Amino acid sequence: MIDLAVSRQRELWDEPSVADFSEDAVPNLGRKGFPFAPLLTLVRVEGLRPSPVDSFFAQIQGETRESLARRMEALKLRTIEVVKELAAFDKSGASGPDLAEDRELPVSIAIFH
């Protein structure tokens, strides 16, 4: 949602945005590199589609680029922790052959300012 809000704030020198509220929005975060690219290899995102009427998006869409950049930085820091947790979970004995391949670990990332 933060990335979409930033993409909606065009400046005179900005390229036209290709970000939209499609199923490609979440996988496209991988273009930002670490920590989003590794996260996307550890979690399933198929079927996730952001909504322009999402309450968080409504809350942030009028914020300045600086405010959105601070939110994104906080999100990156939390995402690094989540990637570490998921990688540790995957390396632990929890991923042994006796468990189903389709296991799930609930993860939530919330950023408040």
C-alpha atoms as a PDB file:
ATOM      1  CA  MET A   1       0.000   0.000   0.000  1.00  0.00           C
ATOM      2  CA  ILE A   2       2.882   2.354   0.780  1.00  0.00           C
ATOM      3  CA  ASP A   3       4.460   1.673  -2.612  1.00  0.00           C
ATOM      4  CA  LEU A   4       1.126   2.328  -4.324  1.00  0.00           C
ATOM      5  CA  ALA A   5       0.638   5.573  -2.392  1.00  0.00           C
ATOM      6  CA  VAL A   6       4.102   6.751  -3.446  1.00  0.00           C
ATOM      7  CA  SER A   7       3.400   5.844  -7.060  1.00  0.00           C
ATOM      8  CA  ARG A   8       0.267   8.012  -6.986  1.00  0.00           C
ATOM      9  CA  GLN A   9       2.238  11.104  -5.986  1.00  0.00           C
ATOM     10  CA  ARG A  10       3.744  12.071  -9.302  1.00  0.00           C
ATOM     11  CA  GLU A  11       6.210  14.904  -9.508  1.00  0.00           C
ATOM     12  CA  LEU A  12       6.968  16.805 -12.700  1.00  0.00           C
ATOM     13  CA  TRP A  13      10.117  14.772 -13.363  1.00  0.00           C
ATOM     14  CA  ASP A  14       8.665  11.366 -12.502  1.00  0.00           C
ATOM     15  CA  GLU A  15       8.140   8.651 -15.053  1.00  0.00           C
ATOM     16  CA  PRO A  16       4.548   7.483 -15.422  1.00  0.00           C
ATOM     17  CA  SER A  17       3.789   4.853 -12.807  1.00  0.00           C
ATOM     18  CA  VAL A  18       2.996   1.275 -13.694  1.00  0.00           C
ATOM     19  CA  ALA A  19       1.920   0.450 -10.136  1.00  0.00           C
ATOM     20  CA  ASP A  20      -1.710  -0.519  -9.920  1.00  0.00           C
ATOM     21  CA  PHE A  21      -4.120  -2.404  -7.723  1.00  0.00           C
ATOM     22  CA  SER A  22      -3.568  -5.733  -9.440  1.00  0.00           C
ATOM     23  CA  GLU A  23      -2.265  -9.113  -8.338  1.00  0.00           C
ATOM     24  CA  ASP A  24       1.130  -7.972  -9.665  1.00  0.00           C
ATOM     25  CA  ALA A  25       1.453  -5.265  -6.974  1.00  0.00           C
ATOM     26  CA  VAL A  26       2.793  -7.578  -4.240  1.00  0.00           C
ATOM     27  CA  PRO A  27       5.200  -9.614  -6.426  1.00  0.00           C
ATOM     28  CA  ASN A  28       6.462  -6.336  -7.929  1.00  0.00           C
ATOM     29  CA  LEU A  29       7.857  -5.404  -4.509  1.00  0.00           C
ATOM     30  CA  GLY A  30      10.675  -7.800  -5.350  1.00  0.00           C
ATOM     31  CA  ARG A  31      12.091  -5.111  -7.644  1.00  0.00           C
ATOM     32  CA  LYS A  32      12.994  -3.173  -4.497  1.00  0.00           C
ATOM     33  CA  GLY A  33      15.519  -5.876  -3.602  1.00  0.00           C
ATOM     34  CA  PHE A  34      16.343  -6.703  -0.007  1.00  0.00           C
ATOM     35  CA  PRO A  35      14.395  -7.508   2.132  1.00  0.00           C
ATOM     36  CA  PHE A  36      11.324  -7.790  -0.101  1.00  0.00           C
ATOM     37  CA  ALA A  37      12.813 -10.088  -2.755  1.00  0.00           C
ATOM     38  CA  PRO A  38      13.875 -12.735  -0.200  1.00  0.00           C
ATOM     39  CA  LEU A  39      10.542 -12.423   1.613  1.00  0.00           C
ATOM     40  CA  LEU A  40       8.706 -13.150  -1.618  1.00  0.00           C
ATOM     41  CA  THR A  41      10.665 -16.393  -1.994  1.00  0.00           C
ATOM     42  CA  LEU A  42       9.594 -17.479   1.501  1.00  0.00           C
ATOM     43  CA  VAL A  43       5.867 -16.734   1.392  1.00  0.00           C
ATOM     44  CA  ARG A  44       2.964 -17.328  -0.956  1.00  0.00           C
ATOM     45  CA  VAL A  45       1.399 -14.195  -2.384  1.00  0.00           C
ATOM     46  CA  GLU A  46      -0.770 -15.677  -5.114  1.00  0.00           C
ATOM     47  CA  GLY A  47      -4.216 -14.151  -5.077  1.00  0.00           C
ATOM     48  CA  LEU A  48      -3.256 -11.137  -2.956  1.00  0.00           C
ATOM     49  CA  ARG A  49      -4.667  -8.022  -4.523  1.00  0.00           C
ATOM     50  CA  PRO A  50      -4.530  -4.588  -2.884  1.00  0.00           C
ATOM     51  CA  SER A  51      -7.713  -2.560  -2.827  1.00  0.00           C
ATOM     52  CA  PRO A  52      -7.985   1.188  -3.400  1.00  0.00           C
ATOM     53  CA  VAL A  53     -10.684   1.273  -0.695  1.00  0.00           C
ATOM     54  CA  ASP A  54      -8.432  -0.356   1.926  1.00  0.00           C
ATOM     55  CA  SER A  55      -8.569   1.685   5.142  1.00  0.00           C
ATOM     56  CA  PHE A  56      -4.770   1.826   5.480  1.00  0.00           C
ATOM     57  CA  PHE A  57      -4.418   3.090   1.912  1.00  0.00           C
ATOM     58  CA  ALA A  58      -7.098   5.711   2.557  1.00  0.00           C
ATOM     59  CA  GLN A  59      -5.174   6.806   5.641  1.00  0.00           C
ATOM     60  CA  ILE A  60      -1.783   7.179   3.929  1.00  0.00           C
ATOM     61  CA  GLN A  61      -2.609   8.276   0.396  1.00  0.00           C
ATOM     62  CA  GLY A  62      -2.474  11.979   1.264  1.00  0.00           C
ATOM     63  CA  GLU A  63       0.799  11.797   3.183  1.00  0.00           C
ATOM     64  CA  THR A  64       3.961  13.465   1.919  1.00  0.00           C
ATOM     65  CA  ARG A  65       6.651  11.484   0.150  1.00  0.00           C
ATOM     66  CA  GLU A  66       8.894  11.999   3.171  1.00  0.00           C
ATOM     67  CA  SER A  67       6.288  10.496   5.490  1.00  0.00           C
ATOM     68  CA  LEU A  68       5.748   7.571   3.130  1.00  0.00           C
ATOM     69  CA  ALA A  69       9.523   7.062   2.910  1.00  0.00           C
ATOM     70  CA  ARG A  70       9.696   6.861   6.726  1.00  0.00           C
ATOM     71  CA  ARG A  71       6.865   4.323   6.711  1.00  0.00           C
ATOM     72  CA  MET A  72       8.655   2.288   4.039  1.00  0.00           C
ATOM     73  CA  GLU A  73      11.890   2.345   6.024  1.00  0.00           C
ATOM     74  CA  ALA A  74      10.073   1.123   9.140  1.00  0.00           C
ATOM     75  CA  LEU A  75       8.432  -1.582   7.037  1.00  0.00           C
ATOM     76  CA  LYS A  76      11.825  -2.653   5.681  1.00  0.00           C
ATOM     77  CA  LEU A  77      13.222  -2.982   9.200  1.00  0.00           C
ATOM     78  CA  ARG A  78      10.278  -5.138  10.310  1.00  0.00           C
ATOM     79  CA  THR A  79      10.470  -7.160   7.097  1.00  0.00           C
ATOM     80  CA  ILE A  80      14.139  -7.950   7.774  1.00  0.00           C
ATOM     81  CA  GLU A  81      13.085  -9.452  11.108  1.00  0.00           C
ATOM     82  CA  VAL A  82      10.311 -11.458   9.443  1.00  0.00           C
ATOM     83  CA  VAL A  83      12.725 -12.799   6.807  1.00  0.00           C
ATOM     84  CA  LYS A  84      15.097 -13.884   9.583  1.00  0.00           C
ATOM     85  CA  GLU A  85      12.246 -15.572  11.478  1.00  0.00           C
ATOM     86  CA  LEU A  86      10.998 -17.384   8.386  1.00  0.00           C
ATOM     87  CA  ALA A  87      14.495 -18.468   7.391  1.00  0.00           C
ATOM     88  CA  ALA A  88      15.105 -19.790  10.919  1.00  0.00           C
ATOM     89  CA  PHE A  89      11.768 -21.623  10.823  1.00  0.00           C
ATOM     90  CA  ASP A  90      12.718 -23.186   7.507  1.00  0.00           C
ATOM     91  CA  LYS A  91      16.154 -24.247   8.815  1.00  0.00           C
ATOM     92  CA  SER A  92      14.781 -25.620  12.073  1.00  0.00           C
ATOM     93  CA  GLY A  93      13.650 -29.190  12.486  1.00  0.00           C
ATOM     94  CA  ALA A  94      10.133 -27.949  11.704  1.00  0.00           C
ATOM     95  CA  SER A  95      10.718 -28.512   8.009  1.00  0.00           C
ATOM     96  CA  GLY A  96      11.562 -32.194   8.291  1.00  0.00           C
ATOM     97  CA  PRO A  97      10.073 -34.842   6.015  1.00  0.00           C
ATOM     98  CA  ASP A  98       7.547 -35.857   8.680  1.00  0.00           C
ATOM     99  CA  LEU A  99       5.682 -32.559   8.246  1.00  0.00           C
ATOM    100  CA  ALA A 100       3.505 -31.726   5.284  1.00  0.00           C
ATOM    101  CA  GLU A 101       5.209 -29.679   2.585  1.00  0.00           C
ATOM    102  CA  ASP A 102       2.303 -27.251   2.661  1.00  0.00           C
ATOM    103  CA  ARG A 103       2.951 -25.919   6.170  1.00  0.00           C
ATOM    104  CA  GLU A 104       2.083 -22.402   7.223  1.00  0.00           C
ATOM    105  CA  LEU A 105       3.505 -19.963   9.724  1.00  0.00           C
ATOM    106  CA  PRO A 106       1.249 -16.970  10.384  1.00  0.00           C
ATOM    107  CA  VAL A 107       3.141 -13.680  10.020  1.00  0.00           C
ATOM    108  CA  SER A 108       1.844 -10.175  10.425  1.00  0.00           C
ATOM    109  CA  ILE A 109       3.624  -6.918   9.681  1.00  0.00           C
ATOM    110  CA  ALA A 110       2.049  -3.757  11.003  1.00  0.00           C
ATOM    111  CA  ILE A 111       3.526  -0.284  10.783  1.00  0.00           C
ATOM    112  CA  PHE A 112       2.138   2.578  12.820  1.00  0.00           C
ATOM    113  CA  HIS A 113       3.295   6.193  12.898  1.00  0.00           C
END
